[in-house]
Amino acid sequence: MSKLTALSVSIALLGGVWAFLALGPLAGFVLVWAGFIAWGCYFHTGGDAAALNKTIAGTIYGAVLAWVALMLIVNVSVPLPAPLWPAIVVAVTVFFLVIVASIDLLSVVPAQVYGYAATVAYSLQTPTTDAGGPLHSLTTVGFANPLILLAVSYVIGAIFGMLSGKLSGALSK
């Protein structure tokens, strides 16, 4: 089997398993799309053991900085026009998102950006029945907290990326 066919088959099979788990038994504990973000990040980072470590570290680091930004924006009252305070917070936190790139484990800036962007997007755009949304769960110890939910999704998604790479290798032999 060609490498491309093997990779397609392995991602299709494991992608189906991931979707089943994320939408079924693990629903509420992981997000299917966040796992796929980490899965793709694993491959664009090199698809090896170092890529697994860098994907997990980078996406979680990005999620942590997004969480810090959201905590500051939501909880710190600053006498500035509404768009100015969030813009300052984003500017400062994304500086720290990138400046760490000299550290090998955090050297893949796109991984940090994926983690940051997806965590903020989920937090700002996920409707809830109580109209509170994830922004009211930033300090919750549990899967209602976007940081915890997204971090777990990134870890498992990156592991599925690694598994699909290994299965692809086995199928192409």
C-alpha atoms as a PDB file:
ATOM      1  CA  MET A   1       0.000   0.000   0.000  1.00  0.00           C
ATOM      2  CA  SER A   2       1.346   3.465  -0.836  1.00  0.00           C
ATOM      3  CA  LYS A   3       2.298   5.772   2.029  1.00  0.00           C
ATOM      4  CA  LEU A   4      -0.483   8.207   1.126  1.00  0.00           C
ATOM      5  CA  THR A   5      -3.107   5.459   0.989  1.00  0.00           C
ATOM      6  CA  ALA A   6      -1.845   4.006   4.269  1.00  0.00           C
ATOM      7  CA  LEU A   7      -1.993   7.418   5.941  1.00  0.00           C
ATOM      8  CA  SER A   8      -5.480   8.039   4.534  1.00  0.00           C
ATOM      9  CA  VAL A   9      -6.731   4.674   5.801  1.00  0.00           C
ATOM     10  CA  SER A  10      -5.128   5.082   9.231  1.00  0.00           C
ATOM     11  CA  ILE A  11      -6.521   8.585   9.714  1.00  0.00           C
ATOM     12  CA  ALA A  12      -9.951   7.495   8.466  1.00  0.00           C
ATOM     13  CA  LEU A  13     -10.078   4.535  10.858  1.00  0.00           C
ATOM     14  CA  LEU A  14      -8.727   6.353  13.894  1.00  0.00           C
ATOM     15  CA  GLY A  15     -10.627   9.530  12.992  1.00  0.00           C
ATOM     16  CA  GLY A  16     -13.828   7.521  13.157  1.00  0.00           C
ATOM     17  CA  VAL A  17     -12.799   6.062  16.522  1.00  0.00           C
ATOM     18  CA  TRP A  18     -11.926   9.533  17.826  1.00  0.00           C
ATOM     19  CA  ALA A  19     -15.237  10.993  16.637  1.00  0.00           C
ATOM     20  CA  PHE A  20     -17.152   8.112  18.230  1.00  0.00           C
ATOM     21  CA  LEU A  21     -15.339   8.545  21.542  1.00  0.00           C
ATOM     22  CA  ALA A  22     -15.552  12.353  21.591  1.00  0.00           C
ATOM     23  CA  LEU A  23     -19.213  12.414  20.613  1.00  0.00           C
ATOM     24  CA  GLY A  24     -20.176   9.356  22.668  1.00  0.00           C
ATOM     25  CA  PRO A  25     -18.513   8.003  25.807  1.00  0.00           C
ATOM     26  CA  LEU A  26     -16.159  10.976  26.233  1.00  0.00           C
ATOM     27  CA  ALA A  27     -18.704  13.686  25.362  1.00  0.00           C
ATOM     28  CA  GLY A  28     -18.318  16.536  27.816  1.00  0.00           C
ATOM     29  CA  PHE A  29     -14.706  15.520  28.551  1.00  0.00           C
ATOM     30  CA  VAL A  30     -13.172  16.240  25.126  1.00  0.00           C
ATOM     31  CA  LEU A  31     -14.041  18.195  21.996  1.00  0.00           C
ATOM     32  CA  VAL A  32     -13.769  16.336  18.701  1.00  0.00           C
ATOM     33  CA  TRP A  33     -12.592  19.400  16.755  1.00  0.00           C
ATOM     34  CA  ALA A  34      -9.939  20.368  19.323  1.00  0.00           C
ATOM     35  CA  GLY A  35      -8.505  16.865  19.129  1.00  0.00           C
ATOM     36  CA  PHE A  36      -8.308  17.155  15.355  1.00  0.00           C
ATOM     37  CA  ILE A  37      -6.460  20.469  15.708  1.00  0.00           C
ATOM     38  CA  ALA A  38      -3.792  18.760  17.824  1.00  0.00           C
ATOM     39  CA  TRP A  39      -3.778  15.778  15.468  1.00  0.00           C
ATOM     40  CA  GLY A  40      -2.993  18.035  12.511  1.00  0.00           C
ATOM     41  CA  CYS A  41      -0.444  19.947  14.570  1.00  0.00           C
ATOM     42  CA  TYR A  42       1.345  16.665  15.345  1.00  0.00           C
ATOM     43  CA  PHE A  43       1.803  15.977  11.622  1.00  0.00           C
ATOM     44  CA  HIS A  44       2.817  19.487  10.606  1.00  0.00           C
ATOM     45  CA  THR A  45       5.348  19.489  13.465  1.00  0.00           C
ATOM     46  CA  GLY A  46       7.096  16.437  12.047  1.00  0.00           C
ATOM     47  CA  GLY A  47       5.024  13.418  12.985  1.00  0.00           C
ATOM     48  CA  ASP A  48       7.562  11.904  15.390  1.00  0.00           C
ATOM     49  CA  ALA A  49       8.172  11.633  19.157  1.00  0.00           C
ATOM     50  CA  ALA A  50       9.482  15.203  19.327  1.00  0.00           C
ATOM     51  CA  ALA A  51       6.373  16.377  17.454  1.00  0.00           C
ATOM     52  CA  LEU A  52       4.147  14.670  20.013  1.00  0.00           C
ATOM     53  CA  ASN A  53       5.904  16.438  22.885  1.00  0.00           C
ATOM     54  CA  LYS A  54       5.969  19.803  21.132  1.00  0.00           C
ATOM     55  CA  THR A  55       2.321  19.553  20.085  1.00  0.00           C
ATOM     56  CA  ILE A  56       1.145  18.731  23.588  1.00  0.00           C
ATOM     57  CA  ALA A  57       3.367  21.315  25.275  1.00  0.00           C
ATOM     58  CA  GLY A  58       2.623  24.026  22.715  1.00  0.00           C
ATOM     59  CA  THR A  59      -1.144  23.639  22.555  1.00  0.00           C
ATOM     60  CA  ILE A  60      -1.441  23.476  26.335  1.00  0.00           C
ATOM     61  CA  TYR A  61       0.880  26.467  26.786  1.00  0.00           C
ATOM     62  CA  GLY A  62      -1.293  28.396  24.312  1.00  0.00           C
ATOM     63  CA  ALA A  63      -4.418  27.337  26.205  1.00  0.00           C
ATOM     64  CA  VAL A  64      -2.906  28.495  29.506  1.00  0.00           C
ATOM     65  CA  LEU A  65      -2.057  31.914  28.079  1.00  0.00           C
ATOM     66  CA  ALA A  66      -5.556  32.176  26.594  1.00  0.00           C
ATOM     67  CA  TRP A  67      -6.976  31.313  30.009  1.00  0.00           C
ATOM     68  CA  VAL A  68      -4.810  34.015  31.622  1.00  0.00           C
ATOM     69  CA  ALA A  69      -6.003  36.528  29.033  1.00  0.00           C
ATOM     70  CA  LEU A  70      -9.643  35.603  29.585  1.00  0.00           C
ATOM     71  CA  MET A  71      -9.248  35.770  33.367  1.00  0.00           C
ATOM     72  CA  LEU A  72      -7.758  39.268  33.083  1.00  0.00           C
ATOM     73  CA  ILE A  73     -10.338  40.524  30.613  1.00  0.00           C
ATOM     74  CA  VAL A  74     -13.289  39.140  32.570  1.00  0.00           C
ATOM     75  CA  ASN A  75     -12.124  39.909  36.115  1.00  0.00           C
ATOM     76  CA  VAL A  76      -9.986  43.053  35.989  1.00  0.00           C
ATOM     77  CA  SER A  77     -11.895  46.274  35.641  1.00  0.00           C
ATOM     78  CA  VAL A  78      -9.850  48.929  33.863  1.00  0.00           C
ATOM     79  CA  PRO A  79     -11.185  52.405  33.017  1.00  0.00           C
ATOM     80  CA  LEU A  80     -10.494  52.077  29.305  1.00  0.00           C
ATOM     81  CA  PRO A  81     -12.868  51.851  26.344  1.00  0.00           C
ATOM     82  CA  ALA A  82     -14.185  48.302  25.911  1.00  0.00           C
ATOM     83  CA  PRO A  83     -12.052  47.202  22.966  1.00  0.00           C
ATOM     84  CA  LEU A  84      -8.839  48.706  24.347  1.00  0.00           C
ATOM     85  CA  TRP A  85      -8.425  46.612  27.525  1.00  0.00           C
ATOM     86  CA  PRO A  86      -8.916  43.239  25.752  1.00  0.00           C
ATOM     87  CA  ALA A  87      -6.561  44.380  22.985  1.00  0.00           C
ATOM     88  CA  ILE A  88      -3.836  45.204  25.501  1.00  0.00           C
ATOM     89  CA  VAL A  89      -4.310  41.874  27.271  1.00  0.00           C
ATOM     90  CA  VAL A  90      -4.137  39.980  23.977  1.00  0.00           C
ATOM     91  CA  ALA A  91      -1.030  41.899  22.914  1.00  0.00           C
ATOM     92  CA  VAL A  92       0.786  41.082  26.140  1.00  0.00           C
ATOM     93  CA  THR A  93      -0.221  37.422  26.257  1.00  0.00           C
ATOM     94  CA  VAL A  94       0.614  36.724  22.624  1.00  0.00           C
ATOM     95  CA  PHE A  95       4.033  38.291  23.179  1.00  0.00           C
ATOM     96  CA  PHE A  96       4.600  35.550  25.746  1.00  0.00           C
ATOM     97  CA  LEU A  97       3.105  33.052  23.319  1.00  0.00           C
ATOM     98  CA  VAL A  98       5.962  33.653  20.888  1.00  0.00           C
ATOM     99  CA  ILE A  99       8.944  34.772  22.994  1.00  0.00           C
ATOM    100  CA  VAL A 100       9.331  31.240  24.394  1.00  0.00           C
ATOM    101  CA  ALA A 101      10.163  29.808  20.962  1.00  0.00           C
ATOM    102  CA  SER A 102      13.847  29.558  21.892  1.00  0.00           C
ATOM    103  CA  ILE A 103      12.849  26.765  24.302  1.00  0.00           C
ATOM    104  CA  ASP A 104      12.927  23.545  22.278  1.00  0.00           C
ATOM    105  CA  LEU A 105       9.701  22.142  23.695  1.00  0.00           C
ATOM    106  CA  LEU A 106       7.880  25.395  22.796  1.00  0.00           C
ATOM    107  CA  SER A 107       9.694  26.039  19.520  1.00  0.00           C
ATOM    108  CA  VAL A 108       6.644  25.375  17.323  1.00  0.00           C
ATOM    109  CA  VAL A 109       4.838  28.700  17.521  1.00  0.00           C
ATOM    110  CA  PRO A 110       1.835  27.473  15.491  1.00  0.00           C
ATOM    111  CA  ALA A 111       1.131  24.893  18.229  1.00  0.00           C
ATOM    112  CA  GLN A 112       0.902  27.684  20.799  1.00  0.00           C
ATOM    113  CA  VAL A 113      -1.288  29.743  18.465  1.00  0.00           C
ATOM    114  CA  TYR A 114      -3.654  26.797  17.863  1.00  0.00           C
ATOM    115  CA  GLY A 115      -4.008  26.247  21.598  1.00  0.00           C
ATOM    116  CA  TYR A 116      -4.586  29.937  22.307  1.00  0.00           C
ATOM    117  CA  ALA A 117      -6.984  30.594  19.440  1.00  0.00           C
ATOM    118  CA  ALA A 118      -9.127  27.488  19.954  1.00  0.00           C
ATOM    119  CA  THR A 119      -9.399  28.085  23.706  1.00  0.00           C
ATOM    120  CA  VAL A 120     -10.485  31.699  23.245  1.00  0.00           C
ATOM    121  CA  ALA A 121     -12.877  30.795  20.437  1.00  0.00           C
ATOM    122  CA  TYR A 122     -14.521  28.063  22.495  1.00  0.00           C
ATOM    123  CA  SER A 123     -14.754  30.337  25.520  1.00  0.00           C
ATOM    124  CA  LEU A 124     -16.298  33.247  23.643  1.00  0.00           C
ATOM    125  CA  GLN A 125     -18.552  31.426  21.217  1.00  0.00           C
ATOM    126  CA  THR A 126     -19.993  28.439  23.056  1.00  0.00           C
ATOM    127  CA  PRO A 127     -23.585  29.093  24.020  1.00  0.00           C
ATOM    128  CA  THR A 128     -25.044  27.587  27.163  1.00  0.00           C
ATOM    129  CA  THR A 129     -28.582  27.301  28.411  1.00  0.00           C
ATOM    130  CA  ASP A 130     -27.829  29.630  31.334  1.00  0.00           C
ATOM    131  CA  ALA A 131     -26.339  32.302  29.022  1.00  0.00           C
ATOM    132  CA  GLY A 132     -23.190  32.228  31.149  1.00  0.00           C
ATOM    133  CA  GLY A 133     -21.002  30.146  28.906  1.00  0.00           C
ATOM    134  CA  PRO A 134     -17.469  28.994  29.534  1.00  0.00           C
ATOM    135  CA  LEU A 135     -16.376  32.446  30.691  1.00  0.00           C
ATOM    136  CA  HIS A 136     -18.255  31.790  33.936  1.00  0.00           C
ATOM    137  CA  SER A 137     -16.367  28.509  34.406  1.00  0.00           C
ATOM    138  CA  LEU A 138     -12.790  29.764  34.141  1.00  0.00           C
ATOM    139  CA  THR A 139     -12.046  28.888  37.773  1.00  0.00           C
ATOM    140  CA  THR A 140     -14.077  25.679  37.915  1.00  0.00           C
ATOM    141  CA  VAL A 141     -12.101  22.529  38.686  1.00  0.00           C
ATOM    142  CA  GLY A 142     -13.629  20.252  36.092  1.00  0.00           C
ATOM    143  CA  PHE A 143     -14.465  19.899  32.438  1.00  0.00           C
ATOM    144  CA  ALA A 144     -16.692  22.988  32.399  1.00  0.00           C
ATOM    145  CA  ASN A 145     -13.419  24.955  32.615  1.00  0.00           C
ATOM    146  CA  PRO A 146     -12.290  25.634  29.030  1.00  0.00           C
ATOM    147  CA  LEU A 147      -8.630  25.257  29.991  1.00  0.00           C
ATOM    148  CA  ILE A 148      -9.140  21.721  31.295  1.00  0.00           C
ATOM    149  CA  LEU A 149     -11.511  20.658  28.529  1.00  0.00           C
ATOM    150  CA  LEU A 150      -9.280  21.935  25.738  1.00  0.00           C
ATOM    151  CA  ALA A 151      -6.017  20.685  27.279  1.00  0.00           C
ATOM    152  CA  VAL A 152      -7.363  17.139  27.587  1.00  0.00           C
ATOM    153  CA  SER A 153      -8.658  17.327  24.006  1.00  0.00           C
ATOM    154  CA  TYR A 154      -5.251  18.460  22.745  1.00  0.00           C
ATOM    155  CA  VAL A 155      -3.394  15.675  24.540  1.00  0.00           C
ATOM    156  CA  ILE A 156      -5.667  12.916  23.306  1.00  0.00           C
ATOM    157  CA  GLY A 157      -5.808  14.391  19.795  1.00  0.00           C
ATOM    158  CA  ALA A 158      -2.003  14.491  19.585  1.00  0.00           C
ATOM    159  CA  ILE A 159      -1.834  10.880  20.778  1.00  0.00           C
ATOM    160  CA  PHE A 160      -4.324   9.896  18.079  1.00  0.00           C
ATOM    161  CA  GLY A 161      -2.062  11.674  15.582  1.00  0.00           C
ATOM    162  CA  MET A 162       0.888   9.597  16.763  1.00  0.00           C
ATOM    163  CA  LEU A 163      -1.171   6.391  16.614  1.00  0.00           C
ATOM    164  CA  SER A 164      -2.347   7.142  13.082  1.00  0.00           C
ATOM    165  CA  GLY A 165       1.270   7.710  12.038  1.00  0.00           C
ATOM    166  CA  LYS A 166       2.314   4.358  13.508  1.00  0.00           C
ATOM    167  CA  LEU A 167      -0.643   2.552  11.928  1.00  0.00           C
ATOM    168  CA  SER A 168       0.159   4.198   8.611  1.00  0.00           C
ATOM    169  CA  GLY A 169       3.738   2.952   8.839  1.00  0.00           C
ATOM    170  CA  ALA A 170       2.561  -0.576   9.514  1.00  0.00           C
ATOM    171  CA  LEU A 171       0.071  -0.492   6.640  1.00  0.00           C
ATOM    172  CA  SER A 172       2.591   0.809   4.106  1.00  0.00           C
ATOM    173  CA  LYS A 173       4.987  -2.111   4.660  1.00  0.00           C
END
